[in-house]
Amino acid sequence: MIDWTRVDELRDEVGEDAFDEVLDLFLEEVDEVMERLGDAPDPACLPADLHFVRGSALNLGLKEFCAICQGLEHRLAQDQPVDLGLLLDCYAESKATLMAGRSADTKVA
C-alpha cells in the first residue's frame, strides 16, 4: 500500500521537476540494495540495508514495505531468522504501483 498523500506532500515540497529526480534517485539507490538482498545478502550489512531502504521508502509513502522492513529489523535485533522473500515481492509491487502513479501524473490530494 502506498500513502499517496505522502507522495503528494513530497511532490509539493520539492516541486514537480525535482520530484521526478528524487523518485529516480530513490529507485536507483533502493534498487541497488534490493538487488543485493535478493542475490546475496550480507548478514553483517543486513540491519543497515534494511534501515536504509525503510527510511528511503518511508519518505515516499511505501507504508507496507516500511512495515515489512521494520518487522525484519525487529527479528534481526532478536537474533531470529528472516526471510527476505516477502520484502522483495512487496518492493516489486510497490515500485510498479508507484511508477504507474507517476505515469498517470495525477495528484491525489
PDB file of N, CA and C in Angstrom:
ATOM      1  N   MET A   1       0.843  -1.171   0.000  1.00  0.00           N
ATOM      2  CA  MET A   1       0.000   0.000   0.000  1.00  0.00           C
ATOM      3  C   MET A   1       0.899   1.248   0.000  1.00  0.00           C
ATOM      4  N   ILE A   2       0.481   2.220  -0.754  1.00  0.00           N
ATOM      5  CA  ILE A   2       1.226   3.472  -0.852  1.00  0.00           C
ATOM      6  C   ILE A   2       0.387   4.596  -0.260  1.00  0.00           C
ATOM      7  N   ASP A   3       1.026   5.419   0.534  1.00  0.00           N
ATOM      8  CA  ASP A   3       0.382   6.597   1.107  1.00  0.00           C
ATOM      9  C   ASP A   3       0.515   7.716   0.072  1.00  0.00           C
ATOM     10  N   TRP A   4      -0.489   7.838  -0.791  1.00  0.00           N
ATOM     11  CA  TRP A   4      -0.436   8.817  -1.880  1.00  0.00           C
ATOM     12  C   TRP A   4      -0.427  10.249  -1.363  1.00  0.00           C
ATOM     13  N   THR A   5      -0.990  10.455  -0.170  1.00  0.00           N
ATOM     14  CA  THR A   5      -0.933  11.788   0.426  1.00  0.00           C
ATOM     15  C   THR A   5       0.517  12.171   0.683  1.00  0.00           C
ATOM     16  N   ARG A   6       1.319  11.225   1.175  1.00  0.00           N
ATOM     17  CA  ARG A   6       2.742  11.495   1.412  1.00  0.00           C
ATOM     18  C   ARG A   6       3.460  11.757   0.095  1.00  0.00           C
ATOM     19  N   VAL A   7       3.118  11.017  -0.939  1.00  0.00           N
ATOM     20  CA  VAL A   7       3.716  11.241  -2.252  1.00  0.00           C
ATOM     21  C   VAL A   7       3.412  12.662  -2.724  1.00  0.00           C
ATOM     22  N   ASP A   8       2.168  13.065  -2.575  1.00  0.00           N
ATOM     23  CA  ASP A   8       1.775  14.415  -2.980  1.00  0.00           C
ATOM     24  C   ASP A   8       2.466  15.481  -2.137  1.00  0.00           C
ATOM     25  N   GLU A   9       2.613  15.221  -0.831  1.00  0.00           N
ATOM     26  CA  GLU A   9       3.315  16.167   0.042  1.00  0.00           C
ATOM     27  C   GLU A   9       4.761  16.344  -0.416  1.00  0.00           C
ATOM     28  N   LEU A  10       5.416  15.230  -0.726  1.00  0.00           N
ATOM     29  CA  LEU A  10       6.798  15.307  -1.186  1.00  0.00           C
ATOM     30  C   LEU A  10       6.876  16.064  -2.507  1.00  0.00           C
ATOM     31  N   ARG A  11       5.947  15.785  -3.404  1.00  0.00           N
ATOM     32  CA  ARG A  11       5.915  16.486  -4.691  1.00  0.00           C
ATOM     33  C   ARG A  11       5.757  17.992  -4.468  1.00  0.00           C
ATOM     34  N   ASP A  12       4.891  18.373  -3.527  1.00  0.00           N
ATOM     35  CA  ASP A  12       4.682  19.789  -3.216  1.00  0.00           C
ATOM     36  C   ASP A  12       5.926  20.408  -2.567  1.00  0.00           C
ATOM     37  N   GLU A  13       6.594  19.630  -1.710  1.00  0.00           N
ATOM     38  CA  GLU A  13       7.780  20.129  -1.004  1.00  0.00           C
ATOM     39  C   GLU A  13       8.933  20.415  -1.956  1.00  0.00           C
ATOM     40  N   VAL A  14       9.155  19.513  -2.906  1.00  0.00           N
ATOM     41  CA  VAL A  14      10.344  19.640  -3.773  1.00  0.00           C
ATOM     42  C   VAL A  14      10.021  20.222  -5.137  1.00  0.00           C
ATOM     43  N   GLY A  15       8.750  20.256  -5.499  1.00  0.00           N
ATOM     44  CA  GLY A  15       8.352  20.741  -6.818  1.00  0.00           C
ATOM     45  C   GLY A  15       8.263  19.584  -7.803  1.00  0.00           C
ATOM     46  N   GLU A  16       7.459  19.775  -8.834  1.00  0.00           N
ATOM     47  CA  GLU A  16       7.190  18.712  -9.806  1.00  0.00           C
ATOM     48  C   GLU A  16       8.461  18.203 -10.491  1.00  0.00           C
ATOM     49  N   ASP A  17       9.287  19.122 -10.988  1.00  0.00           N
ATOM     50  CA  ASP A  17      10.508  18.702 -11.694  1.00  0.00           C
ATOM     51  C   ASP A  17      11.473  17.985 -10.765  1.00  0.00           C
ATOM     52  N   ALA A  18      11.674  18.520  -9.574  1.00  0.00           N
ATOM     53  CA  ALA A  18      12.589  17.903  -8.620  1.00  0.00           C
ATOM     54  C   ALA A  18      12.038  16.569  -8.117  1.00  0.00           C
ATOM     55  N   PHE A  19      10.714  16.443  -8.066  1.00  0.00           N
ATOM     56  CA  PHE A  19      10.121  15.189  -7.611  1.00  0.00           C
ATOM     57  C   PHE A  19      10.564  14.031  -8.499  1.00  0.00           C
ATOM     58  N   ASP A  20      10.553  14.231  -9.799  1.00  0.00           N
ATOM     59  CA  ASP A  20      10.997  13.165 -10.702  1.00  0.00           C
ATOM     60  C   ASP A  20      12.440  12.781 -10.424  1.00  0.00           C
ATOM     61  N   GLU A  21      13.281  13.764 -10.127  1.00  0.00           N
ATOM     62  CA  GLU A  21      14.679  13.481  -9.800  1.00  0.00           C
ATOM     63  C   GLU A  21      14.794  12.718  -8.484  1.00  0.00           C
ATOM     64  N   VAL A  22      14.014  13.131  -7.492  1.00  0.00           N
ATOM     65  CA  VAL A  22      14.019  12.452  -6.194  1.00  0.00           C
ATOM     66  C   VAL A  22      13.560  11.003  -6.367  1.00  0.00           C
ATOM     67  N   LEU A  23      12.500  10.811  -7.116  1.00  0.00           N
ATOM     68  CA  LEU A  23      11.991   9.467  -7.347  1.00  0.00           C
ATOM     69  C   LEU A  23      13.019   8.612  -8.088  1.00  0.00           C
ATOM     70  N   ASP A  24      13.645   9.161  -9.106  1.00  0.00           N
ATOM     71  CA  ASP A  24      14.671   8.415  -9.843  1.00  0.00           C
ATOM     72  C   ASP A  24      15.839   8.035  -8.945  1.00  0.00           C
ATOM     73  N   LEU A  25      16.284   8.958  -8.115  1.00  0.00           N
ATOM     74  CA  LEU A  25      17.391   8.694  -7.197  1.00  0.00           C
ATOM     75  C   LEU A  25      16.995   7.623  -6.191  1.00  0.00           C
ATOM     76  N   PHE A  26      15.790   7.736  -5.645  1.00  0.00           N
ATOM     77  CA  PHE A  26      15.281   6.740  -4.708  1.00  0.00           C
ATOM     78  C   PHE A  26      15.305   5.351  -5.342  1.00  0.00           C
ATOM     79  N   LEU A  27      14.749   5.263  -6.522  1.00  0.00           N
ATOM     80  CA  LEU A  27      14.669   3.960  -7.183  1.00  0.00           C
ATOM     81  C   LEU A  27      16.055   3.402  -7.489  1.00  0.00           C
ATOM     82  N   GLU A  28      16.944   4.262  -7.923  1.00  0.00           N
ATOM     83  CA  GLU A  28      18.302   3.810  -8.232  1.00  0.00           C
ATOM     84  C   GLU A  28      18.993   3.253  -6.987  1.00  0.00           C
ATOM     85  N   GLU A  29      18.938   4.003  -5.901  1.00  0.00           N
ATOM     86  CA  GLU A  29      19.615   3.585  -4.670  1.00  0.00           C
ATOM     87  C   GLU A  29      18.964   2.360  -4.047  1.00  0.00           C
ATOM     88  N   VAL A  30      17.647   2.356  -3.980  1.00  0.00           N
ATOM     89  CA  VAL A  30      16.958   1.238  -3.350  1.00  0.00           C
ATOM     90  C   VAL A  30      17.037  -0.004  -4.235  1.00  0.00           C
ATOM     91  N   ASP A  31      16.941   0.159  -5.546  1.00  0.00           N
ATOM     92  CA  ASP A  31      17.092  -0.987  -6.449  1.00  0.00           C
ATOM     93  C   ASP A  31      18.427  -1.684  -6.216  1.00  0.00           C
ATOM     94  N   GLU A  32      19.475  -0.890  -6.029  1.00  0.00           N
ATOM     95  CA  GLU A  32      20.808  -1.465  -5.814  1.00  0.00           C
ATOM     96  C   GLU A  32      20.837  -2.323  -4.551  1.00  0.00           C
ATOM     97  N   VAL A  33      20.278  -1.804  -3.469  1.00  0.00           N
ATOM     98  CA  VAL A  33      20.258  -2.556  -2.211  1.00  0.00           C
ATOM     99  C   VAL A  33      19.345  -3.775  -2.333  1.00  0.00           C
ATOM    100  N   MET A  34      18.184  -3.592  -2.947  1.00  0.00           N
ATOM    101  CA  MET A  34      17.250  -4.710  -3.070  1.00  0.00           C
ATOM    102  C   MET A  34      17.821  -5.817  -3.950  1.00  0.00           C
ATOM    103  N   GLU A  35      18.549  -5.444  -4.978  1.00  0.00           N
ATOM    104  CA  GLU A  35      19.196  -6.449  -5.825  1.00  0.00           C
ATOM    105  C   GLU A  35      20.210  -7.250  -5.006  1.00  0.00           C
ATOM    106  N   ARG A  36      20.982  -6.541  -4.199  1.00  0.00           N
ATOM    107  CA  ARG A  36      21.965  -7.213  -3.340  1.00  0.00           C
ATOM    108  C   ARG A  36      21.262  -8.139  -2.348  1.00  0.00           C
ATOM    109  N   LEU A  37      20.149  -7.682  -1.780  1.00  0.00           N
ATOM    110  CA  LEU A  37      19.410  -8.510  -0.832  1.00  0.00           C
ATOM    111  C   LEU A  37      18.815  -9.739  -1.508  1.00  0.00           C
ATOM    112  N   GLY A  38      18.447  -9.602  -2.766  1.00  0.00           N
ATOM    113  CA  GLY A  38      17.887 -10.735  -3.492  1.00  0.00           C
ATOM    114  C   GLY A  38      18.929 -11.734  -3.947  1.00  0.00           C
ATOM    115  N   ASP A  39      20.110 -11.221  -4.278  1.00  0.00           N
ATOM    116  CA  ASP A  39      21.169 -12.084  -4.801  1.00  0.00           C
ATOM    117  C   ASP A  39      21.996 -12.740  -3.702  1.00  0.00           C
ATOM    118  N   ALA A  40      22.569 -11.930  -2.846  1.00  0.00           N
ATOM    119  CA  ALA A  40      23.476 -12.445  -1.820  1.00  0.00           C
ATOM    120  C   ALA A  40      23.525 -11.493  -0.629  1.00  0.00           C
ATOM    121  N   PRO A  41      22.513 -11.544   0.228  1.00  0.00           N
ATOM    122  CA  PRO A  41      22.515 -10.633   1.372  1.00  0.00           C
ATOM    123  C   PRO A  41      23.689 -10.928   2.308  1.00  0.00           C
ATOM    124  N   ASP A  42      24.356  -9.884   2.722  1.00  0.00           N
ATOM    125  CA  ASP A  42      25.465  -9.991   3.669  1.00  0.00           C
ATOM    126  C   ASP A  42      24.879  -9.851   5.065  1.00  0.00           C
ATOM    127  N   PRO A  43      24.932 -10.919   5.871  1.00  0.00           N
ATOM    128  CA  PRO A  43      24.340 -10.845   7.209  1.00  0.00           C
ATOM    129  C   PRO A  43      24.873  -9.685   8.045  1.00  0.00           C
ATOM    130  N   ALA A  44      26.131  -9.314   7.847  1.00  0.00           N
ATOM    131  CA  ALA A  44      26.712  -8.215   8.614  1.00  0.00           C
ATOM    132  C   ALA A  44      26.127  -6.870   8.203  1.00  0.00           C
ATOM    133  N   CYS A  45      25.706  -6.745   6.950  1.00  0.00           N
ATOM    134  CA  CYS A  45      25.157  -5.485   6.432  1.00  0.00           C
ATOM    135  C   CYS A  45      23.630  -5.445   6.447  1.00  0.00           C
ATOM    136  N   LEU A  46      23.006  -6.577   6.704  1.00  0.00           N
ATOM    137  CA  LEU A  46      21.551  -6.663   6.597  1.00  0.00           C
ATOM    138  C   LEU A  46      20.811  -5.642   7.460  1.00  0.00           C
ATOM    139  N   PRO A  47      21.158  -5.470   8.740  1.00  0.00           N
ATOM    140  CA  PRO A  47      20.430  -4.463   9.528  1.00  0.00           C
ATOM    141  C   PRO A  47      20.541  -3.062   8.927  1.00  0.00           C
ATOM    142  N   ALA A  48      21.720  -2.675   8.495  1.00  0.00           N
ATOM    143  CA  ALA A  48      21.908  -1.343   7.905  1.00  0.00           C
ATOM    144  C   ALA A  48      21.178  -1.229   6.571  1.00  0.00           C
ATOM    145  N   ASP A  49      21.208  -2.283   5.776  1.00  0.00           N
ATOM    146  CA  ASP A  49      20.496  -2.262   4.497  1.00  0.00           C
ATOM    147  C   ASP A  49      18.993  -2.100   4.709  1.00  0.00           C
ATOM    148  N   LEU A  50      18.444  -2.851   5.646  1.00  0.00           N
ATOM    149  CA  LEU A  50      17.007  -2.749   5.925  1.00  0.00           C
ATOM    150  C   LEU A  50      16.650  -1.364   6.452  1.00  0.00           C
ATOM    151  N   HIS A  51      17.480  -0.840   7.316  1.00  0.00           N
ATOM    152  CA  HIS A  51      17.230   0.501   7.861  1.00  0.00           C
ATOM    153  C   HIS A  51      17.259   1.550   6.740  1.00  0.00           C
ATOM    154  N   PHE A  52      18.223   1.432   5.854  1.00  0.00           N
ATOM    155  CA  PHE A  52      18.338   2.375   4.742  1.00  0.00           C
ATOM    156  C   PHE A  52      17.108   2.330   3.834  1.00  0.00           C
ATOM    157  N   VAL A  53      16.713   1.132   3.402  1.00  0.00           N
ATOM    158  CA  VAL A  53      15.578   1.067   2.473  1.00  0.00           C
ATOM    159  C   VAL A  53      14.278   1.448   3.163  1.00  0.00           C
ATOM    160  N   ARG A  54      14.171   1.153   4.459  1.00  0.00           N
ATOM    161  CA  ARG A  54      12.955   1.550   5.179  1.00  0.00           C
ATOM    162  C   ARG A  54      12.854   3.068   5.240  1.00  0.00           C
ATOM    163  N   GLY A  55      13.937   3.729   5.575  1.00  0.00           N
ATOM    164  CA  GLY A  55      13.921   5.189   5.656  1.00  0.00           C
ATOM    165  C   GLY A  55      13.632   5.830   4.313  1.00  0.00           C
ATOM    166  N   SER A  56      14.245   5.299   3.274  1.00  0.00           N
ATOM    167  CA  SER A  56      14.003   5.835   1.930  1.00  0.00           C
ATOM    168  C   SER A  56      12.556   5.637   1.520  1.00  0.00           C
ATOM    169  N   ALA A  57      12.042   4.464   1.771  1.00  0.00           N
ATOM    170  CA  ALA A  57      10.665   4.152   1.381  1.00  0.00           C
ATOM    171  C   ALA A  57       9.658   4.956   2.187  1.00  0.00           C
ATOM    172  N   LEU A  58       9.974   5.211   3.432  1.00  0.00           N
ATOM    173  CA  LEU A  58       9.072   5.999   4.273  1.00  0.00           C
ATOM    174  C   LEU A  58       8.877   7.396   3.692  1.00  0.00           C
ATOM    175  N   ASN A  59       9.944   7.961   3.172  1.00  0.00           N
ATOM    176  CA  ASN A  59       9.857   9.289   2.567  1.00  0.00           C
ATOM    177  C   ASN A  59       8.936   9.317   1.361  1.00  0.00           C
ATOM    178  N   LEU A  60       8.766   8.172   0.713  1.00  0.00           N
ATOM    179  CA  LEU A  60       7.901   8.115  -0.463  1.00  0.00           C
ATOM    180  C   LEU A  60       6.561   7.435  -0.196  1.00  0.00           C
ATOM    181  N   GLY A  61       6.248   7.214   1.061  1.00  0.00           N
ATOM    182  CA  GLY A  61       4.917   6.708   1.396  1.00  0.00           C
ATOM    183  C   GLY A  61       4.698   5.228   1.145  1.00  0.00           C
ATOM    184  N   LEU A  62       5.754   4.439   1.078  1.00  0.00           N
ATOM    185  CA  LEU A  62       5.602   2.997   0.856  1.00  0.00           C
ATOM    186  C   LEU A  62       5.341   2.319   2.202  1.00  0.00           C
ATOM    187  N   LYS A  63       4.123   2.438   2.686  1.00  0.00           N
ATOM    188  CA  LYS A  63       3.764   2.030   4.039  1.00  0.00           C
ATOM    189  C   LYS A  63       3.934   0.540   4.284  1.00  0.00           C
ATOM    190  N   GLU A  64       3.428  -0.286   3.410  1.00  0.00           N
ATOM    191  CA  GLU A  64       3.511  -1.730   3.620  1.00  0.00           C
ATOM    192  C   GLU A  64       4.966  -2.192   3.588  1.00  0.00           C
ATOM    193  N   PHE A  65       5.728  -1.681   2.644  1.00  0.00           N
ATOM    194  CA  PHE A  65       7.141  -2.009   2.534  1.00  0.00           C
ATOM    195  C   PHE A  65       7.876  -1.620   3.826  1.00  0.00           C
ATOM    196  N   CYS A  66       7.581  -0.434   4.347  1.00  0.00           N
ATOM    197  CA  CYS A  66       8.204   0.030   5.587  1.00  0.00           C
ATOM    198  C   CYS A  66       7.866  -0.891   6.752  1.00  0.00           C
ATOM    199  N   ALA A  67       6.616  -1.304   6.816  1.00  0.00           N
ATOM    200  CA  ALA A  67       6.188  -2.189   7.900  1.00  0.00           C
ATOM    201  C   ALA A  67       6.923  -3.533   7.829  1.00  0.00           C
ATOM    202  N   ILE A  68       7.094  -4.055   6.640  1.00  0.00           N
ATOM    203  CA  ILE A  68       7.817  -5.317   6.482  1.00  0.00           C
ATOM    204  C   ILE A  68       9.276  -5.134   6.903  1.00  0.00           C
ATOM    205  N   CYS A  69       9.901  -4.040   6.467  1.00  0.00           N
ATOM    206  CA  CYS A  69      11.283  -3.748   6.872  1.00  0.00           C
ATOM    207  C   CYS A  69      11.398  -3.679   8.386  1.00  0.00           C
ATOM    208  N   GLN A  70      10.474  -2.974   9.003  1.00  0.00           N
ATOM    209  CA  GLN A  70      10.514  -2.813  10.449  1.00  0.00           C
ATOM    210  C   GLN A  70      10.398  -4.167  11.151  1.00  0.00           C
ATOM    211  N   GLY A  71       9.516  -5.023  10.659  1.00  0.00           N
ATOM    212  CA  GLY A  71       9.373  -6.356  11.236  1.00  0.00           C
ATOM    213  C   GLY A  71      10.645  -7.183  11.092  1.00  0.00           C
ATOM    214  N   LEU A  72      11.285  -7.088   9.933  1.00  0.00           N
ATOM    215  CA  LEU A  72      12.539  -7.809   9.728  1.00  0.00           C
ATOM    216  C   LEU A  72      13.648  -7.258  10.619  1.00  0.00           C
ATOM    217  N   GLU A  73      13.696  -5.941  10.751  1.00  0.00           N
ATOM    218  CA  GLU A  73      14.694  -5.339  11.640  1.00  0.00           C
ATOM    219  C   GLU A  73      14.487  -5.811  13.080  1.00  0.00           C
ATOM    220  N   HIS A  74      13.241  -5.890  13.483  1.00  0.00           N
ATOM    221  CA  HIS A  74      12.919  -6.352  14.844  1.00  0.00           C
ATOM    222  C   HIS A  74      13.373  -7.808  15.030  1.00  0.00           C
ATOM    223  N   ARG A  75      13.092  -8.647  14.047  1.00  0.00           N
ATOM    224  CA  ARG A  75      13.501 -10.058  14.128  1.00  0.00           C
ATOM    225  C   ARG A  75      15.028 -10.176  14.214  1.00  0.00           C
ATOM    226  N   LEU A  76      15.728  -9.384  13.409  1.00  0.00           N
ATOM    227  CA  LEU A  76      17.184  -9.414  13.454  1.00  0.00           C
ATOM    228  C   LEU A  76      17.710  -8.988  14.820  1.00  0.00           C
ATOM    229  N   ALA A  77      17.095  -7.967  15.394  1.00  0.00           N
ATOM    230  CA  ALA A  77      17.519  -7.479  16.703  1.00  0.00           C
ATOM    231  C   ALA A  77      17.343  -8.542  17.785  1.00  0.00           C
ATOM    232  N   GLN A  78      16.423  -9.463  17.546  1.00  0.00           N
ATOM    233  CA  GLN A  78      16.180 -10.551  18.497  1.00  0.00           C
ATOM    234  C   GLN A  78      16.890 -11.838  18.078  1.00  0.00           C
ATOM    235  N   ASP A  79      17.816 -11.708  17.125  1.00  0.00           N
ATOM    236  CA  ASP A  79      18.585 -12.852  16.612  1.00  0.00           C
ATOM    237  C   ASP A  79      17.694 -13.965  16.075  1.00  0.00           C
ATOM    238  N   GLN A  80      16.591 -13.572  15.444  1.00  0.00           N
ATOM    239  CA  GLN A  80      15.697 -14.536  14.816  1.00  0.00           C
ATOM    240  C   GLN A  80      15.976 -14.557  13.319  1.00  0.00           C
ATOM    241  N   PRO A  81      15.741 -15.683  12.677  1.00  0.00           N
ATOM    242  CA  PRO A  81      15.968 -15.755  11.221  1.00  0.00           C
ATOM    243  C   PRO A  81      14.952 -14.885  10.474  1.00  0.00           C
ATOM    244  N   VAL A  82      15.370 -14.411   9.320  1.00  0.00           N
ATOM    245  CA  VAL A  82      14.486 -13.594   8.491  1.00  0.00           C
ATOM    246  C   VAL A  82      14.409 -14.181   7.094  1.00  0.00           C
ATOM    247  N   ASP A  83      13.244 -14.000   6.485  1.00  0.00           N
ATOM    248  CA  ASP A  83      13.012 -14.404   5.099  1.00  0.00           C
ATOM    249  C   ASP A  83      12.751 -13.116   4.325  1.00  0.00           C
ATOM    250  N   LEU A  84      13.603 -12.849   3.355  1.00  0.00           N
ATOM    251  CA  LEU A  84      13.501 -11.597   2.602  1.00  0.00           C
ATOM    252  C   LEU A  84      12.529 -11.675   1.430  1.00  0.00           C
ATOM    253  N   GLY A  85      11.956 -12.842   1.178  1.00  0.00           N
ATOM    254  CA  GLY A  85      11.066 -13.018   0.037  1.00  0.00           C
ATOM    255  C   GLY A  85       9.896 -12.056   0.020  1.00  0.00           C
ATOM    256  N   LEU A  86       9.229 -11.911   1.138  1.00  0.00           N
ATOM    257  CA  LEU A  86       8.074 -11.005   1.217  1.00  0.00           C
ATOM    258  C   LEU A  86       8.496  -9.562   0.960  1.00  0.00           C
ATOM    259  N   LEU A  87       9.654  -9.178   1.498  1.00  0.00           N
ATOM    260  CA  LEU A  87      10.166  -7.828   1.298  1.00  0.00           C
ATOM    261  C   LEU A  87      10.462  -7.574  -0.177  1.00  0.00           C
ATOM    262  N   LEU A  88      11.111  -8.517  -0.821  1.00  0.00           N
ATOM    263  CA  LEU A  88      11.444  -8.373  -2.237  1.00  0.00           C
ATOM    264  C   LEU A  88      10.184  -8.282  -3.092  1.00  0.00           C
ATOM    265  N   ASP A  89       9.211  -9.131  -2.795  1.00  0.00           N
ATOM    266  CA  ASP A  89       7.942  -9.104  -3.541  1.00  0.00           C
ATOM    267  C   ASP A  89       7.206  -7.782  -3.323  1.00  0.00           C
ATOM    268  N   CYS A  90       7.172  -7.322  -2.069  1.00  0.00           N
ATOM    269  CA  CYS A  90       6.471  -6.079  -1.761  1.00  0.00           C
ATOM    270  C   CYS A  90       7.140  -4.896  -2.457  1.00  0.00           C
ATOM    271  N   TYR A  91       8.455  -4.901  -2.504  1.00  0.00           N
ATOM    272  CA  TYR A  91       9.149  -3.806  -3.178  1.00  0.00           C
ATOM    273  C   TYR A  91       8.806  -3.789  -4.662  1.00  0.00           C
ATOM    274  N   ALA A  92       8.821  -4.948  -5.284  1.00  0.00           N
ATOM    275  CA  ALA A  92       8.497  -5.018  -6.714  1.00  0.00           C
ATOM    276  C   ALA A  92       7.090  -4.485  -6.972  1.00  0.00           C
ATOM    277  N   GLU A  93       6.139  -4.884  -6.133  1.00  0.00           N
ATOM    278  CA  GLU A  93       4.762  -4.415  -6.289  1.00  0.00           C
ATOM    279  C   GLU A  93       4.646  -2.913  -6.013  1.00  0.00           C
ATOM    280  N   SER A  94       5.312  -2.464  -4.945  1.00  0.00           N
ATOM    281  CA  SER A  94       5.252  -1.045  -4.585  1.00  0.00           C
ATOM    282  C   SER A  94       5.877  -0.188  -5.674  1.00  0.00           C
ATOM    283  N   LYS A  95       6.986  -0.646  -6.205  1.00  0.00           N
ATOM    284  CA  LYS A  95       7.662   0.098  -7.271  1.00  0.00           C
ATOM    285  C   LYS A  95       6.770   0.188  -8.501  1.00  0.00           C
ATOM    286  N   ALA A  96       6.140  -0.916  -8.870  1.00  0.00           N
ATOM    287  CA  ALA A  96       5.252  -0.916 -10.038  1.00  0.00           C
ATOM    288  C   ALA A  96       4.074   0.030  -9.818  1.00  0.00           C
ATOM    289  N   THR A  97       3.497   0.012  -8.624  1.00  0.00           N
ATOM    290  CA  THR A  97       2.373   0.895  -8.313  1.00  0.00           C
ATOM    291  C   THR A  97       2.805   2.354  -8.324  1.00  0.00           C
ATOM    292  N   LEU A  98       3.963   2.623  -7.740  1.00  0.00           N
ATOM    293  CA  LEU A  98       4.488   3.982  -7.714  1.00  0.00           C
ATOM    294  C   LEU A  98       4.759   4.490  -9.126  1.00  0.00           C
ATOM    295  N   MET A  99       5.337   3.649  -9.961  1.00  0.00           N
ATOM    296  CA  MET A  99       5.631   4.045 -11.336  1.00  0.00           C
ATOM    297  C   MET A  99       4.341   4.245 -12.130  1.00  0.00           C
ATOM    298  N   ALA A 100       3.344   3.423 -11.876  1.00  0.00           N
ATOM    299  CA  ALA A 100       2.059   3.603 -12.568  1.00  0.00           C
ATOM    300  C   ALA A 100       1.421   4.922 -12.149  1.00  0.00           C
ATOM    301  N   GLY A 101       1.531   5.252 -10.864  1.00  0.00           N
ATOM    302  CA  GLY A 101       1.008   6.531 -10.378  1.00  0.00           C
ATOM    303  C   GLY A 101       1.782   7.701 -10.946  1.00  0.00           C
ATOM    304  N   ARG A 102       3.070   7.505 -11.120  1.00  0.00           N
ATOM    305  CA  ARG A 102       3.908   8.553 -11.730  1.00  0.00           C
ATOM    306  C   ARG A 102       3.507   8.765 -13.187  1.00  0.00           C
ATOM    307  N   SER A 103       3.260   7.670 -13.883  1.00  0.00           N
ATOM    308  CA  SER A 103       2.863   7.757 -15.278  1.00  0.00           C
ATOM    309  C   SER A 103       1.508   8.433 -15.435  1.00  0.00           C
ATOM    310  N   ALA A 104       0.625   8.168 -14.472  1.00  0.00           N
ATOM    311  CA  ALA A 104      -0.693   8.799 -14.525  1.00  0.00           C
ATOM    312  C   ALA A 104      -0.569  10.302 -14.253  1.00  0.00           C
ATOM    313  N   ASP A 105       0.495  10.651 -13.503  1.00  0.00           N
ATOM    314  CA  ASP A 105       0.795  12.051 -13.216  1.00  0.00           C
ATOM    315  C   ASP A 105      -0.394  12.808 -12.645  1.00  0.00           C
ATOM    316  N   THR A 106      -1.043  12.157 -11.692  1.00  0.00           N
ATOM    317  CA  THR A 106      -2.171  12.809 -11.041  1.00  0.00           C
ATOM    318  C   THR A 106      -1.904  12.940  -9.564  1.00  0.00           C
ATOM    319  N   LYS A 107      -2.334  14.044  -9.001  1.00  0.00           N
ATOM    320  CA  LYS A 107      -2.232  14.250  -7.577  1.00  0.00           C
ATOM    321  C   LYS A 107      -3.494  13.724  -6.917  1.00  0.00           C
ATOM    322  N   VAL A 108      -3.308  13.071  -5.792  1.00  0.00           N
ATOM    323  CA  VAL A 108      -4.443  12.508  -5.077  1.00  0.00           C
ATOM    324  C   VAL A 108      -5.070  13.556  -4.178  1.00  0.00           C
ATOM    325  N   ALA A 109      -4.247  14.300  -3.479  1.00  0.00           N
ATOM    326  CA  ALA A 109      -4.780  15.288  -2.518  1.00  0.00           C
ATOM    327  C   ALA A 109      -5.181  16.566  -3.216  1.00  0.00           C
TER     328      ALA A 109
END
